[in-house]
Amino acid sequence: MSTLKITVQATISAARSKVWDYYTNPKHIINWNFADPSWHCPSASNDLVVGGRFVAKMEARDGSFGFVFEAVYTEIIEGEMFAYGFEGRTITVEFKDVIGHTLVTVSFDPETENPIELQRNGWQAILDNFKQYTERN
C-alpha cells in the first residue's frame, strides 16, 4: 500500500459539538453520506467505541448499484478525532475549532482501483454535502 494519504477539508459554520454529532450520528449520516445527488445512504449504524463498527449502505437512487461501507474504530478522542480501518486502509477524521467555525479534515489511504483525483473529488463531495446539511439544519 502506498504511504500517500489523500486529504480533504471543509470549514463548517457550526460549533464543534454540533459538527461531531452530525458527523457521527446515524440519523444525520443518512442525510449527507453520498458524493452525488443520484446516490443516497438509506441506512447507517455507528458503534463509536474503539473496536466498534461504522456501517453505511450506499446505493444509486435507481437501484442499479450499491455497496456497504464497513469500518472498525481504532482510535477515538471524543469531540476531537477518530480513526478507523477497513480493507487494510486507514481513515482519520479531525475536528478543530477555528474562530466560531469547525474545520473538518479527513485523511485516508487511497485504494488502487481508481485515480487519486477521482477519489479526492468523491470524498470532497461527501464532505461538501456534510457541510451543506450541517449548516442548513
N, C-alpha and C. Protein backbone atom coordinates (compact mmCIF):
# COMPACT_ATOMS: atom_id res chain seq x y z
N MET A 1 0.86 -1.19 0.00
CA MET A 1 0.00 0.00 0.00
C MET A 1 0.89 1.23 0.00
N SER A 2 0.52 2.19 -0.74
CA SER A 2 1.25 3.45 -0.82
C SER A 2 1.19 4.19 0.51
N THR A 3 2.23 4.97 0.81
CA THR A 3 2.22 5.78 2.04
C THR A 3 1.53 7.12 1.80
N LEU A 4 1.16 7.41 0.57
CA LEU A 4 0.46 8.63 0.24
C LEU A 4 -0.90 8.65 0.92
N LYS A 5 -1.24 9.78 1.53
CA LYS A 5 -2.58 9.99 2.10
C LYS A 5 -3.28 11.03 1.25
N ILE A 6 -4.57 10.86 1.07
CA ILE A 6 -5.39 11.87 0.43
C ILE A 6 -6.08 12.63 1.55
N THR A 7 -6.11 13.95 1.45
CA THR A 7 -6.73 14.78 2.49
C THR A 7 -7.74 15.72 1.86
N VAL A 8 -8.92 15.79 2.49
CA VAL A 8 -9.96 16.74 2.10
C VAL A 8 -10.38 17.51 3.35
N GLN A 9 -10.86 18.73 3.16
CA GLN A 9 -11.23 19.58 4.30
C GLN A 9 -12.46 20.41 3.97
N ALA A 10 -13.15 20.80 5.05
CA ALA A 10 -14.25 21.75 4.93
C ALA A 10 -14.34 22.51 6.25
N THR A 11 -14.65 23.80 6.16
CA THR A 11 -14.88 24.61 7.34
C THR A 11 -16.39 24.78 7.48
N ILE A 12 -16.90 24.32 8.61
CA ILE A 12 -18.34 24.28 8.85
C ILE A 12 -18.71 25.44 9.78
N SER A 13 -19.75 26.18 9.43
CA SER A 13 -20.23 27.29 10.26
C SER A 13 -21.13 26.75 11.36
N ALA A 14 -20.50 26.07 12.33
CA ALA A 14 -21.23 25.49 13.46
C ALA A 14 -20.22 25.13 14.54
N ALA A 15 -20.72 25.01 15.76
CA ALA A 15 -19.87 24.62 16.89
C ALA A 15 -19.38 23.18 16.72
N ARG A 16 -18.21 22.92 17.27
CA ARG A 16 -17.61 21.59 17.12
C ARG A 16 -18.52 20.49 17.67
N SER A 17 -19.23 20.75 18.77
CA SER A 17 -20.12 19.73 19.35
C SER A 17 -21.22 19.34 18.35
N LYS A 18 -21.79 20.30 17.67
CA LYS A 18 -22.81 20.01 16.65
C LYS A 18 -22.20 19.27 15.48
N VAL A 19 -21.05 19.72 15.02
CA VAL A 19 -20.38 19.09 13.87
C VAL A 19 -20.07 17.63 14.19
N TRP A 20 -19.54 17.37 15.38
CA TRP A 20 -19.25 16.00 15.80
C TRP A 20 -20.52 15.15 15.77
N ASP A 21 -21.59 15.67 16.36
CA ASP A 21 -22.86 14.94 16.41
C ASP A 21 -23.38 14.64 15.01
N TYR A 22 -23.39 15.62 14.13
CA TYR A 22 -23.91 15.42 12.79
C TYR A 22 -23.04 14.47 11.97
N TYR A 23 -21.74 14.43 12.27
CA TYR A 23 -20.84 13.55 11.53
C TYR A 23 -20.92 12.11 12.01
N THR A 24 -21.28 11.91 13.29
CA THR A 24 -21.21 10.55 13.86
C THR A 24 -22.57 9.92 14.16
N ASN A 25 -23.65 10.67 14.13
CA ASN A 25 -24.97 10.16 14.48
C ASN A 25 -25.67 9.62 13.23
N PRO A 26 -26.05 8.33 13.23
CA PRO A 26 -26.67 7.74 12.05
C PRO A 26 -27.90 8.49 11.54
N LYS A 27 -28.67 9.12 12.44
CA LYS A 27 -29.86 9.85 11.96
C LYS A 27 -29.48 11.03 11.08
N HIS A 28 -28.25 11.52 11.23
CA HIS A 28 -27.75 12.58 10.35
C HIS A 28 -26.94 12.01 9.18
N ILE A 29 -26.15 10.98 9.43
CA ILE A 29 -25.28 10.40 8.40
C ILE A 29 -26.07 10.04 7.14
N ILE A 30 -27.27 9.50 7.31
CA ILE A 30 -28.05 9.08 6.14
C ILE A 30 -28.49 10.25 5.26
N ASN A 31 -28.37 11.48 5.79
CA ASN A 31 -28.78 12.66 5.04
C ASN A 31 -27.67 13.33 4.23
N TRP A 32 -26.42 12.93 4.46
CA TRP A 32 -25.32 13.61 3.76
C TRP A 32 -24.26 12.67 3.18
N ASN A 33 -24.28 11.40 3.52
CA ASN A 33 -23.19 10.49 3.18
C ASN A 33 -23.28 9.92 1.76
N PHE A 34 -23.11 10.80 0.77
CA PHE A 34 -23.06 10.38 -0.63
C PHE A 34 -22.39 11.50 -1.42
N ALA A 35 -21.76 11.13 -2.53
CA ALA A 35 -20.96 12.10 -3.29
C ALA A 35 -21.75 12.79 -4.40
N ASP A 36 -22.87 12.22 -4.78
CA ASP A 36 -23.62 12.73 -5.93
C ASP A 36 -25.12 12.61 -5.63
N PRO A 37 -25.92 13.57 -6.08
CA PRO A 37 -27.37 13.51 -5.81
C PRO A 37 -28.07 12.26 -6.36
N SER A 38 -27.44 11.57 -7.31
CA SER A 38 -28.06 10.36 -7.85
C SER A 38 -27.86 9.16 -6.91
N TRP A 39 -27.13 9.38 -5.81
CA TRP A 39 -26.89 8.34 -4.80
C TRP A 39 -27.55 8.75 -3.50
N HIS A 40 -27.66 7.78 -2.59
CA HIS A 40 -28.13 8.07 -1.24
C HIS A 40 -27.56 7.05 -0.26
N CYS A 41 -27.80 7.30 1.01
CA CYS A 41 -27.33 6.42 2.09
C CYS A 41 -28.57 6.00 2.88
N PRO A 42 -29.24 4.92 2.44
CA PRO A 42 -30.51 4.57 3.07
C PRO A 42 -30.41 4.08 4.51
N SER A 43 -29.22 3.62 4.94
CA SER A 43 -29.08 3.18 6.33
C SER A 43 -27.65 3.34 6.80
N ALA A 44 -27.52 3.57 8.11
CA ALA A 44 -26.20 3.67 8.73
C ALA A 44 -26.32 3.24 10.19
N SER A 45 -25.25 2.68 10.72
CA SER A 45 -25.16 2.39 12.15
C SER A 45 -23.75 2.76 12.59
N ASN A 46 -23.62 3.13 13.86
CA ASN A 46 -22.33 3.61 14.32
C ASN A 46 -22.14 3.28 15.79
N ASP A 47 -21.23 2.36 16.07
CA ASP A 47 -20.86 1.99 17.44
C ASP A 47 -19.54 2.71 17.72
N LEU A 48 -19.62 3.93 18.22
CA LEU A 48 -18.48 4.84 18.33
C LEU A 48 -17.64 4.54 19.58
N VAL A 49 -17.00 3.37 19.56
CA VAL A 49 -16.03 2.95 20.58
C VAL A 49 -14.89 2.25 19.87
N VAL A 50 -13.71 2.24 20.47
CA VAL A 50 -12.60 1.50 19.87
C VAL A 50 -13.02 0.04 19.74
N GLY A 51 -12.89 -0.50 18.54
CA GLY A 51 -13.34 -1.85 18.25
C GLY A 51 -14.76 -1.90 17.72
N GLY A 52 -15.49 -0.78 17.82
CA GLY A 52 -16.86 -0.70 17.31
C GLY A 52 -16.87 -0.53 15.81
N ARG A 53 -18.03 -0.75 15.22
CA ARG A 53 -18.16 -0.70 13.77
C ARG A 53 -19.00 0.48 13.30
N PHE A 54 -18.55 1.06 12.18
CA PHE A 54 -19.34 2.02 11.44
C PHE A 54 -19.77 1.32 10.16
N VAL A 55 -21.06 1.33 9.87
CA VAL A 55 -21.59 0.66 8.69
C VAL A 55 -22.55 1.62 7.98
N ALA A 56 -22.34 1.82 6.69
CA ALA A 56 -23.23 2.67 5.89
C ALA A 56 -23.52 1.97 4.57
N LYS A 57 -24.81 1.83 4.29
CA LYS A 57 -25.22 1.30 2.99
C LYS A 57 -25.33 2.48 2.04
N MET A 58 -24.67 2.37 0.90
CA MET A 58 -24.69 3.44 -0.09
C MET A 58 -25.14 2.83 -1.40
N GLU A 59 -26.06 3.53 -2.08
CA GLU A 59 -26.56 2.97 -3.33
C GLU A 59 -27.08 4.05 -4.27
N ALA A 60 -27.09 3.71 -5.54
CA ALA A 60 -27.68 4.60 -6.54
C ALA A 60 -29.17 4.66 -6.27
N ARG A 61 -29.76 5.84 -6.42
CA ARG A 61 -31.20 6.00 -6.16
C ARG A 61 -32.05 5.14 -7.09
N ASP A 62 -31.54 4.82 -8.28
CA ASP A 62 -32.30 3.98 -9.20
C ASP A 62 -32.11 2.49 -8.92
N GLY A 63 -31.32 2.17 -7.90
CA GLY A 63 -31.12 0.78 -7.51
C GLY A 63 -30.16 0.00 -8.37
N SER A 64 -29.48 0.66 -9.30
CA SER A 64 -28.61 -0.04 -10.24
C SER A 64 -27.30 -0.53 -9.63
N PHE A 65 -26.87 0.08 -8.52
CA PHE A 65 -25.62 -0.32 -7.89
C PHE A 65 -25.64 0.11 -6.45
N GLY A 66 -24.95 -0.62 -5.61
CA GLY A 66 -24.83 -0.25 -4.21
C GLY A 66 -23.73 -1.04 -3.54
N PHE A 67 -23.35 -0.59 -2.37
CA PHE A 67 -22.34 -1.30 -1.60
C PHE A 67 -22.49 -0.92 -0.13
N VAL A 68 -21.87 -1.71 0.73
CA VAL A 68 -21.86 -1.43 2.16
C VAL A 68 -20.44 -1.06 2.55
N PHE A 69 -20.30 0.13 3.12
CA PHE A 69 -19.02 0.58 3.65
C PHE A 69 -19.01 0.20 5.12
N GLU A 70 -17.98 -0.56 5.53
CA GLU A 70 -17.89 -1.00 6.92
C GLU A 70 -16.46 -0.80 7.40
N ALA A 71 -16.32 -0.18 8.57
CA ALA A 71 -15.01 0.09 9.13
C ALA A 71 -15.04 -0.17 10.64
N VAL A 72 -13.86 -0.38 11.23
CA VAL A 72 -13.73 -0.64 12.66
C VAL A 72 -12.88 0.47 13.28
N TYR A 73 -13.40 1.07 14.34
CA TYR A 73 -12.69 2.16 15.02
C TYR A 73 -11.43 1.67 15.71
N THR A 74 -10.34 2.43 15.50
CA THR A 74 -9.05 2.10 16.12
C THR A 74 -8.62 3.14 17.14
N GLU A 75 -9.17 4.35 17.04
CA GLU A 75 -8.82 5.43 17.98
C GLU A 75 -9.97 6.44 18.00
N ILE A 76 -10.29 6.92 19.19
CA ILE A 76 -11.33 7.94 19.34
C ILE A 76 -10.92 8.90 20.45
N ILE A 77 -10.94 10.18 20.15
CA ILE A 77 -10.85 11.23 21.16
C ILE A 77 -12.15 12.00 21.01
N GLU A 78 -13.07 11.76 21.93
CA GLU A 78 -14.44 12.29 21.85
C GLU A 78 -14.45 13.77 21.50
N GLY A 79 -15.17 14.12 20.45
CA GLY A 79 -15.33 15.50 20.04
C GLY A 79 -14.15 16.09 19.28
N GLU A 80 -13.05 15.34 19.15
CA GLU A 80 -11.84 15.87 18.51
C GLU A 80 -11.39 15.10 17.27
N MET A 81 -11.40 13.76 17.36
CA MET A 81 -10.93 12.98 16.22
C MET A 81 -11.31 11.52 16.39
N PHE A 82 -11.28 10.82 15.28
CA PHE A 82 -11.37 9.37 15.32
C PHE A 82 -10.63 8.81 14.12
N ALA A 83 -10.26 7.56 14.25
CA ALA A 83 -9.62 6.83 13.15
C ALA A 83 -10.30 5.48 13.05
N TYR A 84 -10.47 5.01 11.82
CA TYR A 84 -10.96 3.66 11.64
C TYR A 84 -10.27 3.03 10.46
N GLY A 85 -10.36 1.71 10.41
CA GLY A 85 -9.72 0.95 9.35
C GLY A 85 -10.72 0.09 8.61
N PHE A 86 -10.43 -0.14 7.34
CA PHE A 86 -11.23 -1.03 6.51
C PHE A 86 -10.38 -1.49 5.35
N GLU A 87 -10.49 -2.77 5.00
CA GLU A 87 -9.78 -3.34 3.86
C GLU A 87 -8.30 -2.96 3.84
N GLY A 88 -7.66 -2.94 5.01
CA GLY A 88 -6.24 -2.62 5.09
C GLY A 88 -5.90 -1.15 4.95
N ARG A 89 -6.92 -0.30 4.90
CA ARG A 89 -6.73 1.15 4.76
C ARG A 89 -7.16 1.84 6.05
N THR A 90 -6.66 3.05 6.25
CA THR A 90 -6.97 3.83 7.45
C THR A 90 -7.55 5.19 7.05
N ILE A 91 -8.54 5.63 7.82
CA ILE A 91 -9.12 6.97 7.67
C ILE A 91 -9.04 7.66 9.02
N THR A 92 -8.62 8.92 9.00
CA THR A 92 -8.60 9.74 10.21
C THR A 92 -9.45 10.98 9.94
N VAL A 93 -10.32 11.31 10.90
CA VAL A 93 -11.18 12.48 10.79
C VAL A 93 -10.93 13.35 12.02
N GLU A 94 -10.56 14.62 11.78
CA GLU A 94 -10.25 15.55 12.86
C GLU A 94 -11.21 16.73 12.83
N PHE A 95 -11.54 17.22 14.02
CA PHE A 95 -12.45 18.35 14.20
C PHE A 95 -11.72 19.41 15.02
N LYS A 96 -11.50 20.59 14.45
CA LYS A 96 -10.76 21.65 15.14
C LYS A 96 -11.56 22.94 15.14
N ASP A 97 -11.55 23.64 16.28
CA ASP A 97 -12.18 24.95 16.38
C ASP A 97 -11.37 25.97 15.59
N VAL A 98 -12.07 26.78 14.80
CA VAL A 98 -11.43 27.84 14.03
C VAL A 98 -12.34 29.07 14.10
N ILE A 99 -12.16 29.88 15.12
CA ILE A 99 -12.87 31.16 15.29
C ILE A 99 -14.36 31.05 14.94
N GLY A 100 -15.11 30.35 15.78
CA GLY A 100 -16.55 30.25 15.59
C GLY A 100 -17.00 29.24 14.55
N HIS A 101 -16.08 28.53 13.97
CA HIS A 101 -16.36 27.51 12.97
C HIS A 101 -15.64 26.23 13.37
N THR A 102 -15.88 25.18 12.61
CA THR A 102 -15.18 23.91 12.85
C THR A 102 -14.55 23.44 11.55
N LEU A 103 -13.25 23.20 11.59
CA LEU A 103 -12.53 22.65 10.45
C LEU A 103 -12.55 21.13 10.57
N VAL A 104 -13.09 20.48 9.54
CA VAL A 104 -13.11 19.02 9.48
C VAL A 104 -12.08 18.60 8.45
N THR A 105 -11.16 17.75 8.86
CA THR A 105 -10.10 17.24 7.98
C THR A 105 -10.21 15.72 7.93
N VAL A 106 -10.34 15.19 6.73
CA VAL A 106 -10.41 13.75 6.51
C VAL A 106 -9.17 13.34 5.72
N SER A 107 -8.38 12.43 6.28
CA SER A 107 -7.20 11.91 5.59
C SER A 107 -7.36 10.40 5.47
N PHE A 108 -7.06 9.87 4.29
CA PHE A 108 -7.27 8.44 4.09
C PHE A 108 -6.26 7.85 3.11
N ASP A 109 -6.04 6.56 3.28
CA ASP A 109 -5.22 5.80 2.34
C ASP A 109 -6.04 5.59 1.06
N PRO A 110 -5.47 5.87 -0.09
CA PRO A 110 -6.20 5.64 -1.34
C PRO A 110 -6.33 4.15 -1.63
N GLU A 111 -7.33 3.82 -2.42
CA GLU A 111 -7.43 2.46 -2.94
C GLU A 111 -6.70 2.42 -4.28
N THR A 112 -6.58 1.26 -4.86
CA THR A 112 -5.75 1.12 -6.05
C THR A 112 -6.54 1.02 -7.36
N GLU A 113 -7.87 0.98 -7.28
CA GLU A 113 -8.68 0.79 -8.49
C GLU A 113 -8.98 2.08 -9.24
N ASN A 114 -9.06 3.21 -8.53
CA ASN A 114 -9.46 4.48 -9.14
C ASN A 114 -8.36 5.52 -9.02
N PRO A 115 -8.30 6.46 -9.96
CA PRO A 115 -7.27 7.51 -9.90
C PRO A 115 -7.40 8.34 -8.61
N ILE A 116 -6.27 8.82 -8.13
CA ILE A 116 -6.20 9.62 -6.90
C ILE A 116 -7.17 10.81 -6.97
N GLU A 117 -7.17 11.51 -8.08
CA GLU A 117 -8.01 12.71 -8.20
C GLU A 117 -9.50 12.35 -8.11
N LEU A 118 -9.90 11.24 -8.69
CA LEU A 118 -11.29 10.79 -8.60
C LEU A 118 -11.66 10.49 -7.14
N GLN A 119 -10.75 9.83 -6.43
CA GLN A 119 -11.00 9.54 -5.02
C GLN A 119 -11.10 10.82 -4.20
N ARG A 120 -10.16 11.73 -4.42
CA ARG A 120 -10.17 13.01 -3.70
C ARG A 120 -11.48 13.77 -3.97
N ASN A 121 -11.87 13.84 -5.23
CA ASN A 121 -13.09 14.56 -5.59
C ASN A 121 -14.32 13.93 -4.97
N GLY A 122 -14.38 12.61 -4.94
CA GLY A 122 -15.52 11.91 -4.34
C GLY A 122 -15.64 12.16 -2.85
N TRP A 123 -14.52 12.05 -2.14
CA TRP A 123 -14.55 12.28 -0.69
C TRP A 123 -14.81 13.76 -0.39
N GLN A 124 -14.29 14.65 -1.21
CA GLN A 124 -14.56 16.08 -1.01
C GLN A 124 -16.05 16.35 -1.22
N ALA A 125 -16.65 15.73 -2.22
CA ALA A 125 -18.08 15.92 -2.48
C ALA A 125 -18.92 15.45 -1.29
N ILE A 126 -18.55 14.33 -0.69
CA ILE A 126 -19.26 13.86 0.50
C ILE A 126 -19.11 14.86 1.64
N LEU A 127 -17.89 15.36 1.84
CA LEU A 127 -17.66 16.35 2.90
C LEU A 127 -18.41 17.64 2.61
N ASP A 128 -18.48 18.04 1.37
CA ASP A 128 -19.26 19.23 1.00
C ASP A 128 -20.75 19.02 1.28
N ASN A 129 -21.27 17.82 1.01
CA ASN A 129 -22.66 17.50 1.36
C ASN A 129 -22.85 17.62 2.87
N PHE A 130 -21.88 17.11 3.63
CA PHE A 130 -21.95 17.21 5.08
C PHE A 130 -22.02 18.67 5.52
N LYS A 131 -21.16 19.49 4.97
CA LYS A 131 -21.14 20.92 5.31
C LYS A 131 -22.50 21.55 5.04
N GLN A 132 -23.04 21.33 3.85
CA GLN A 132 -24.34 21.92 3.49
C GLN A 132 -25.44 21.44 4.42
N TYR A 133 -25.48 20.14 4.69
CA TYR A 133 -26.50 19.59 5.57
C TYR A 133 -26.40 20.17 6.98
N THR A 134 -25.19 20.22 7.52
CA THR A 134 -25.00 20.68 8.89
C THR A 134 -25.33 22.16 9.04
N GLU A 135 -24.92 22.96 8.08
CA GLU A 135 -25.19 24.40 8.16
C GLU A 135 -26.67 24.72 7.92
N ARG A 136 -27.36 23.88 7.18
CA ARG A 136 -28.77 24.09 6.86
C ARG A 136 -29.69 23.72 8.02
N ASN A 137 -29.25 22.81 8.89
CA ASN A 137 -30.09 22.28 9.97
C ASN A 137 -29.70 22.80 11.33
